[in-house]
Every structure is written in structure tokens, then in C-alpha cells.
Amino acid sequence: MSASCGGAEVVGADVRELAEALAALFAADRQLVVELNAAQRRLLDANDLLRVGVSADALRVLPGATGSGKASVLWSVAPAGGSRGGESVGSAGCPITDRYALEVIADSIRYALRDYQLFADQRRAVAADVGETTARLVDAMRAAGFSEEQARNADVWALRDGVYRQGGGG
């Protein structure tokens, strides 16, 4: 059961542990969102190179362009380039014919998509863990005398400290 201490209801160790686990899952989810956004940006950037063309004059090194964390060569967008009838066009207005440039762009797209899919799968797994941990937390709080509504509206960060406080969502 919960106890009262200085007007605040104190929760047991089991509730604190579950709240800590839930907070850790929230932190993991936030990090996965950052990684998903970075992978999506790499994917869009590499894809844009195919749309607007590449320029041998604009070669540059980008860290992590291949998803390996190592520097790799990636052709940058040529401002004068464009698209002609669905065909990629380089800065001189000619179709991209440099096989190496196309392979580098294709690899960049492949690695970015692989990373995006990996992080999306990890995020789905974290979401499932959040659901299971939330259910266990609600059950533990109900066993300690809280109503289901109180348990669902509890401030997880306060619970980690052993104190019940209603969260901002309820």
C-alpha cells in the first residue's frame, strides 16, 4: 500500500523500479527518434543527388554518409544541375554517366535506408516494451491502492523518486 509522507503519497520499491524502467525506455525512444531523423535526412539528401545531379567539381567528404560512421566520398548537389525528362543531369547539363558517382549515391541510399529500417524496428520493439512496462506499472500501483485512473495519470519521473504525483496529461 502507499503511505503518506508530508502530504505526498510514497510508493513502494516495485513501483519505483517499474517507473525507472519506463523512464529508461522513454530515453531510448528519444534517442531512436534522433537516429531515425538522421537516417531519413541522409536518405533524402542522397536521393536529391539523383534528382538534381552531381558534379565532379563539388566532391566532398561527409562523416557517416555510408552509415558506417567513417568518412566517405559523396558527391554534392550541383547548383546548376537539374532534371531533364526524369533523367539525372549534372552541372554541365549532361546526364550523369560517372558509374562511380552513381554507385556512391546508390550505396548512400542503401545504407541510409538500412539504418532507417533498423532504427524503426528498434523503435517498434521499444514501443512494445513501453506498453508492457506501463501495464505492469499500472498493475503494481493498483495493488498498492491507487485507482487505475491515478496510475495511468501518474508522473513517471516523480514515481522514480518514490512519490506519487499526477502527471501533466491528466
Protein backbone atom coordinates (compact mmCIF):
# COMPACT_ATOMS: atom_id res chain seq x y z
CA MET A 1 0.00 0.00 0.00
CA SER A 2 1.05 3.58 -0.48
CA ALA A 3 1.87 5.71 2.52
CA SER A 4 1.67 9.43 3.03
CA CYS A 5 4.73 11.45 3.92
CA GLY A 6 4.43 15.21 4.30
CA GLY A 7 1.25 15.27 2.22
CA ALA A 8 2.77 13.30 -0.67
CA GLU A 9 1.92 9.66 -1.23
CA VAL A 10 5.01 7.45 -1.18
CA VAL A 11 5.15 4.43 -3.48
CA GLY A 12 6.91 1.11 -2.97
CA ALA A 13 10.14 -0.16 -4.46
CA ASP A 14 8.35 -2.21 -7.14
CA VAL A 15 6.59 0.91 -8.46
CA ARG A 16 9.86 2.89 -8.35
CA GLU A 17 11.69 0.16 -10.30
CA LEU A 18 8.98 -0.03 -12.96
CA ALA A 19 8.91 3.77 -13.25
CA GLU A 20 12.70 3.76 -13.66
CA ALA A 21 12.42 1.12 -16.39
CA LEU A 22 9.72 3.14 -18.14
CA ALA A 23 11.78 6.34 -17.96
CA ALA A 24 14.75 4.47 -19.48
CA LEU A 25 12.52 3.26 -22.31
CA PHE A 26 11.37 6.85 -22.92
CA ALA A 27 15.02 7.94 -23.13
CA ALA A 28 15.80 5.10 -25.56
CA ASP A 29 12.83 6.12 -27.69
CA ARG A 30 14.02 9.75 -27.79
CA GLN A 31 17.47 8.59 -28.97
CA LEU A 32 15.92 6.38 -31.64
CA VAL A 33 13.92 9.36 -32.92
CA VAL A 34 17.18 11.31 -33.29
CA GLU A 35 18.74 8.38 -35.18
CA LEU A 36 15.65 7.94 -37.38
CA ASN A 37 15.69 11.63 -38.28
CA ALA A 38 19.40 11.49 -39.16
CA ALA A 39 18.93 8.40 -41.33
CA GLN A 40 15.94 9.98 -43.05
CA ARG A 41 17.95 13.14 -43.72
CA ARG A 42 20.81 11.07 -45.24
CA LEU A 43 18.31 9.17 -47.37
CA LEU A 44 16.65 12.34 -48.63
CA ASP A 45 19.99 14.05 -49.29
CA ALA A 46 21.33 11.11 -51.28
CA ASN A 47 18.08 10.79 -53.19
CA ASP A 48 18.18 14.51 -54.03
CA LEU A 49 21.55 13.95 -55.68
CA LEU A 50 19.88 11.70 -58.21
CA ARG A 51 17.13 14.23 -58.88
CA VAL A 52 19.27 17.32 -59.38
CA GLY A 53 22.54 15.79 -60.49
CA VAL A 54 26.05 15.54 -59.20
CA SER A 55 29.17 17.47 -60.02
CA ALA A 56 32.71 16.14 -60.03
CA ASP A 57 33.78 19.69 -59.11
CA ALA A 58 31.75 19.52 -55.91
CA LEU A 59 33.23 16.37 -54.40
CA ARG A 60 33.25 16.45 -50.62
CA VAL A 61 33.71 14.15 -47.66
CA LEU A 62 30.82 13.65 -45.27
CA PRO A 63 31.16 11.74 -42.00
CA GLY A 64 28.84 8.78 -41.79
CA ALA A 65 27.41 9.13 -45.30
CA THR A 66 27.54 5.35 -45.67
CA GLY A 67 26.15 4.70 -42.22
CA SER A 68 29.45 3.14 -41.16
CA GLY A 69 30.49 6.13 -39.06
CA LYS A 70 33.60 6.51 -41.24
CA ALA A 71 34.15 9.33 -43.68
CA SER A 72 33.10 8.51 -47.21
CA VAL A 73 33.03 10.29 -50.52
CA LEU A 74 29.67 11.70 -51.50
CA TRP A 75 29.02 13.91 -54.49
CA SER A 76 27.31 17.13 -53.57
CA VAL A 77 24.46 18.83 -55.37
CA ALA A 78 25.48 20.96 -58.32
CA PRO A 79 23.54 24.23 -58.16
CA ALA A 80 23.45 24.49 -61.96
CA GLY A 81 22.17 20.94 -62.35
CA GLY A 82 18.63 19.87 -62.82
CA SER A 83 16.41 17.16 -64.16
CA ARG A 84 15.57 16.58 -67.81
CA GLY A 85 12.76 14.22 -68.62
CA GLY A 86 13.27 12.17 -65.46
CA GLU A 87 17.00 11.77 -66.22
CA SER A 88 19.56 12.95 -63.68
CA VAL A 89 21.57 15.84 -65.03
CA GLY A 90 24.99 17.06 -63.87
CA SER A 91 26.23 20.62 -63.50
CA ALA A 92 27.12 20.89 -67.18
CA GLY A 93 23.58 19.91 -68.15
CA CYS A 94 24.69 16.42 -69.21
CA PRO A 95 23.28 13.15 -67.88
CA ILE A 96 25.27 11.63 -65.01
CA THR A 97 27.38 8.91 -66.58
CA ASP A 98 30.10 8.51 -63.95
CA ARG A 99 29.45 4.97 -62.74
CA TYR A 100 31.44 5.53 -59.55
CA ALA A 101 29.35 8.58 -58.63
CA LEU A 102 26.15 6.63 -59.18
CA GLU A 103 27.47 3.69 -57.12
CA VAL A 104 28.41 6.01 -54.25
CA ILE A 105 24.96 7.61 -54.34
CA ALA A 106 23.27 4.19 -54.52
CA ASP A 107 25.35 2.98 -51.56
CA SER A 108 24.45 6.10 -49.58
CA ILE A 109 20.77 5.47 -50.24
CA ARG A 110 21.11 1.79 -49.36
CA TYR A 111 22.94 2.45 -46.09
CA ALA A 112 20.59 5.24 -45.05
CA LEU A 113 17.55 3.08 -45.79
CA ARG A 114 19.10 0.14 -43.90
CA ASP A 115 19.76 2.39 -40.90
CA TYR A 116 16.25 3.85 -41.07
CA GLN A 117 14.69 0.39 -41.14
CA LEU A 118 16.92 -0.79 -38.28
CA PHE A 119 16.01 2.19 -36.07
CA ALA A 120 12.32 1.88 -36.98
CA ASP A 121 12.37 -1.80 -35.95
CA GLN A 122 14.15 -0.92 -32.71
CA ARG A 123 11.57 1.80 -32.04
CA ARG A 124 8.72 -0.68 -32.56
CA ALA A 125 10.36 -3.02 -30.04
CA VAL A 126 10.75 -0.17 -27.54
CA ALA A 127 7.09 0.76 -28.05
CA ALA A 128 6.07 -2.82 -27.23
CA ASP A 129 8.26 -2.73 -24.11
CA VAL A 130 6.71 0.62 -23.11
CA GLY A 131 3.25 -0.93 -23.37
CA GLU A 132 4.19 -3.99 -21.32
CA THR A 133 6.01 -1.95 -18.68
CA THR A 134 3.13 0.52 -18.45
CA ALA A 135 0.68 -2.33 -17.88
CA ARG A 136 2.93 -3.77 -15.15
CA LEU A 137 3.27 -0.33 -13.54
CA VAL A 138 -0.50 0.20 -13.54
CA ASP A 139 -0.99 -3.25 -12.01
CA ALA A 140 1.61 -2.54 -9.30
CA MET A 141 0.04 0.80 -8.48
CA ARG A 142 -3.46 -0.69 -8.35
CA ALA A 143 -2.12 -3.36 -5.97
CA ALA A 144 -0.73 -0.51 -3.84
CA GLY A 145 -4.18 1.07 -3.55
CA PHE A 146 -4.21 3.58 -6.41
CA SER A 147 -7.11 3.70 -8.85
CA GLU A 148 -6.47 2.81 -12.49
CA GLU A 149 -7.01 6.46 -13.44
CA GLN A 150 -4.46 7.60 -10.85
CA ALA A 151 -1.99 5.01 -12.09
CA ARG A 152 -2.41 5.97 -15.74
CA ASN A 153 -2.05 9.67 -14.96
CA ALA A 154 0.95 9.31 -12.66
CA ASP A 155 4.11 11.32 -13.26
CA VAL A 156 6.68 8.63 -14.09
CA TRP A 157 9.60 10.85 -13.09
CA ALA A 158 8.09 11.51 -9.66
CA LEU A 159 7.41 7.78 -9.23
CA ARG A 160 11.11 7.08 -9.85
CA ASP A 161 11.76 9.20 -6.77
CA GLY A 162 9.17 7.19 -4.84
CA VAL A 163 6.47 9.88 -4.78
CA TYR A 164 3.07 9.83 -6.45
CA ARG A 165 2.18 12.97 -8.36
CA GLN A 166 -0.35 13.33 -11.12
CA GLY A 167 1.30 13.97 -14.48
CA GLY A 168 0.57 16.84 -16.81
CA GLY A 169 -1.53 14.69 -19.16
CA GLY A 170 -4.46 14.12 -16.83
